[in-house]
Protein backbone atom coordinates (compact mmCIF):
# COMPACT_ATOMS: atom_id res chain seq x y z
CA MET A 1 -1.82 -0.71 -1.65
CA PHE A 2 -0.26 -1.99 -4.89
CA ALA A 3 -3.31 -0.86 -6.87
CA ARG A 4 -3.02 2.64 -5.33
CA ALA A 5 0.70 2.75 -6.17
CA LEU A 6 0.04 1.70 -9.78
CA PHE A 7 -2.78 4.22 -10.14
CA ALA A 8 -0.59 6.99 -8.69
CA PHE A 9 2.18 6.17 -11.17
CA LEU A 10 -0.19 6.20 -14.13
CA VAL A 11 -1.86 9.45 -13.09
CA LEU A 12 1.16 11.46 -11.98
CA PRO A 13 4.55 10.73 -13.60
CA GLY A 14 2.84 8.63 -16.27
CA MET A 15 0.96 11.66 -17.58
CA VAL A 16 3.74 14.21 -17.05
CA ALA A 17 6.68 12.12 -18.30
CA ILE A 18 5.10 9.78 -20.84
CA VAL A 19 1.69 10.81 -22.18
CA VAL A 20 2.29 14.56 -22.58
CA PRO A 21 5.68 14.12 -24.31
CA LEU A 22 4.35 11.42 -26.65
CA VAL A 23 1.34 13.54 -27.60
CA TRP A 24 3.61 16.57 -28.09
CA LEU A 25 5.98 14.60 -30.32
CA ARG A 26 3.09 13.27 -32.38
CA LEU A 27 1.42 16.67 -32.78
CA THR A 28 4.69 18.37 -33.77
CA SER A 29 5.76 15.54 -36.11
CA HIS A 30 8.95 14.86 -34.15
CA THR A 31 8.83 11.13 -34.87
CA ALA A 32 12.46 10.29 -35.53
CA ILE A 33 15.24 10.03 -32.99
CA VAL A 34 17.78 12.72 -33.81
CA HIS A 35 20.19 12.36 -30.89
CA PRO A 36 20.40 8.79 -29.52
CA THR A 37 22.17 10.06 -26.39
CA GLY A 38 18.78 11.37 -25.28
CA CYS A 39 17.61 7.75 -25.13
CA LEU A 40 20.27 7.03 -22.50
CA LEU A 41 18.96 9.90 -20.38
CA LEU A 42 15.41 8.57 -20.87
CA ALA A 43 16.45 5.10 -19.74
CA LEU A 44 18.37 6.37 -16.71
CA GLY A 45 15.42 8.54 -15.74
CA PHE A 46 12.99 5.62 -15.95
CA VAL A 47 15.27 3.34 -13.92
CA ALA A 48 15.66 6.02 -11.23
CA LEU A 49 11.90 6.68 -11.22
CA PHE A 50 11.06 3.01 -10.72
CA LEU A 51 13.66 2.66 -7.97
CA CYS A 52 12.14 5.64 -6.14
CA ILE A 53 8.60 4.31 -6.53
CA ARG A 54 9.76 0.97 -5.17
CA ASP A 55 11.40 2.67 -2.18
CA PHE A 56 8.21 4.62 -1.45
CA TYR A 57 6.22 1.38 -1.56
CA VAL A 58 8.65 -0.93 0.28
CA SER A 59 10.48 1.34 2.73
CA GLY A 60 7.93 4.13 3.12
CA LYS A 61 4.80 1.95 3.09
CA GLY A 62 3.00 4.34 0.75
CA THR A 63 2.86 5.72 -2.76
CA LEU A 64 4.11 8.77 -4.62
CA ALA A 65 0.59 10.23 -4.57
CA PRO A 66 -0.23 13.09 -2.22
CA TRP A 67 -3.46 11.28 -1.30
CA SER A 68 -1.52 8.18 -0.18
CA PRO A 69 1.97 9.31 0.90
CA PRO A 70 4.57 7.10 2.56
CA LYS A 71 3.96 6.59 6.25
CA ARG A 72 7.70 6.49 6.98
CA LEU A 73 10.32 8.95 5.82
CA VAL A 74 12.15 7.37 2.87
CA VAL A 75 15.92 7.73 3.33
CA VAL A 76 17.20 4.69 1.42
CA GLY A 77 18.34 4.12 -2.15
CA LEU A 78 18.63 7.30 -4.20
CA TYR A 79 17.17 9.23 -1.27
CA ARG A 80 20.60 8.95 0.37
CA TYR A 81 21.95 11.37 -2.26
CA SER A 82 19.01 13.69 -2.92
CA ARG A 83 15.82 14.47 -1.03
CA ASN A 84 13.99 14.57 -4.38
CA PRO A 85 15.37 11.91 -6.71
CA MET A 86 11.93 11.13 -8.11
CA TYR A 87 11.58 14.69 -9.39
CA LEU A 88 15.14 14.53 -10.74
CA ALA A 89 14.22 11.30 -12.54
CA VAL A 90 11.17 12.89 -14.17
CA GLY A 91 13.31 15.87 -15.17
CA ALA A 92 15.85 13.48 -16.74
CA ILE A 93 13.07 11.68 -18.61
CA LEU A 94 11.70 14.95 -19.97
CA ALA A 95 15.17 16.17 -20.95
CA GLY A 96 15.78 12.79 -22.60
CA TRP A 97 12.66 13.16 -24.76
CA ALA A 98 13.64 16.72 -25.72
CA ILE A 99 17.21 15.76 -26.63
CA ALA A 100 16.42 12.48 -28.38
CA PHE A 101 13.80 14.08 -30.62
CA ALA A 102 15.42 17.54 -30.85
CA SER A 103 12.24 19.19 -29.57
CA PRO A 104 12.60 22.76 -28.28
CA GLY A 105 8.97 22.63 -27.14
CA LEU A 106 9.62 19.61 -24.94
CA LEU A 107 12.73 21.27 -23.56
CA ALA A 108 10.64 24.30 -22.55
CA TYR A 109 8.08 21.92 -21.02
CA ALA A 110 10.85 20.17 -19.06
CA VAL A 111 12.15 23.47 -17.69
CA ALA A 112 8.63 24.54 -16.68
CA ILE A 113 7.93 21.22 -14.97
CA VAL A 114 11.23 21.26 -13.06
CA ALA A 115 10.54 24.83 -11.92
CA ALA A 116 7.07 23.77 -10.76
CA PHE A 117 8.63 20.82 -8.89
CA HIS A 118 10.97 23.18 -7.06
CA VAL A 119 8.13 25.47 -5.99
CA ARG A 120 6.05 22.48 -4.85
CA VAL A 121 8.95 21.03 -2.85
CA VAL A 122 9.79 24.28 -1.09
CA ARG A 123 6.26 25.53 -0.42
CA ALA A 124 4.34 22.31 0.23
CA GLU A 125 6.33 19.10 0.56
CA GLU A 126 9.11 20.18 2.88
CA PRO A 127 6.78 21.93 5.36
CA PHE A 128 4.51 18.85 5.31
CA LEU A 129 7.45 16.49 5.90
CA SER A 130 8.70 18.70 8.72
CA ARG A 131 5.31 18.55 10.44
CA MET A 132 4.91 14.83 9.76
CA HIS A 133 8.39 13.60 10.72
CA GLY A 134 9.76 16.36 12.97
CA ARG A 135 13.31 15.77 14.15
CA GLU A 136 13.89 12.85 11.76
CA TRP A 137 13.12 15.19 8.82
CA THR A 138 15.34 17.94 10.23
CA GLU A 139 18.30 15.59 10.60
CA TYR A 140 17.73 14.12 7.14
CA SER A 141 17.36 17.51 5.45
CA ASN A 142 20.55 18.74 7.13
CA ARG A 143 22.44 15.68 5.85
CA VAL A 144 21.07 15.28 2.30
CA PRO A 145 20.81 18.05 -0.32
CA ARG A 146 17.44 19.03 -1.75
CA TRP A 147 18.59 18.28 -5.31
CA LEU A 148 22.19 17.21 -5.90
CA TRP A 149 24.05 20.18 -4.43
């Protein structure tokens, strides 16, 4: 399962939050850090992302990939405060890149990705989790906000 978890990380958030921003920065010649505070947001986002991936692996007995989801509903760690902390972490990483390198293009990319996350959560993930976990999901979703509010 560790190999599947690593592959899922590399394919999904690895591409969205690392490869695409780095390629964008290179192609647009944004190679110098303009606002170091963006680096703090990047670091916080990466820490949160790794904590969520660990919780999926350890507590949920699965990965972040749709083809190998957690078998158990993950309600520990950052999932006590948000039903979607992994998406929030990726959003923070993307915002961190945009701020650190003063890249309007990456900011637009971050907004588009976060909007896509919201649509995915509402239309696909939450109905799937409701079918998969039934009452446990209902109780959890009544107790914990979708994002942070």
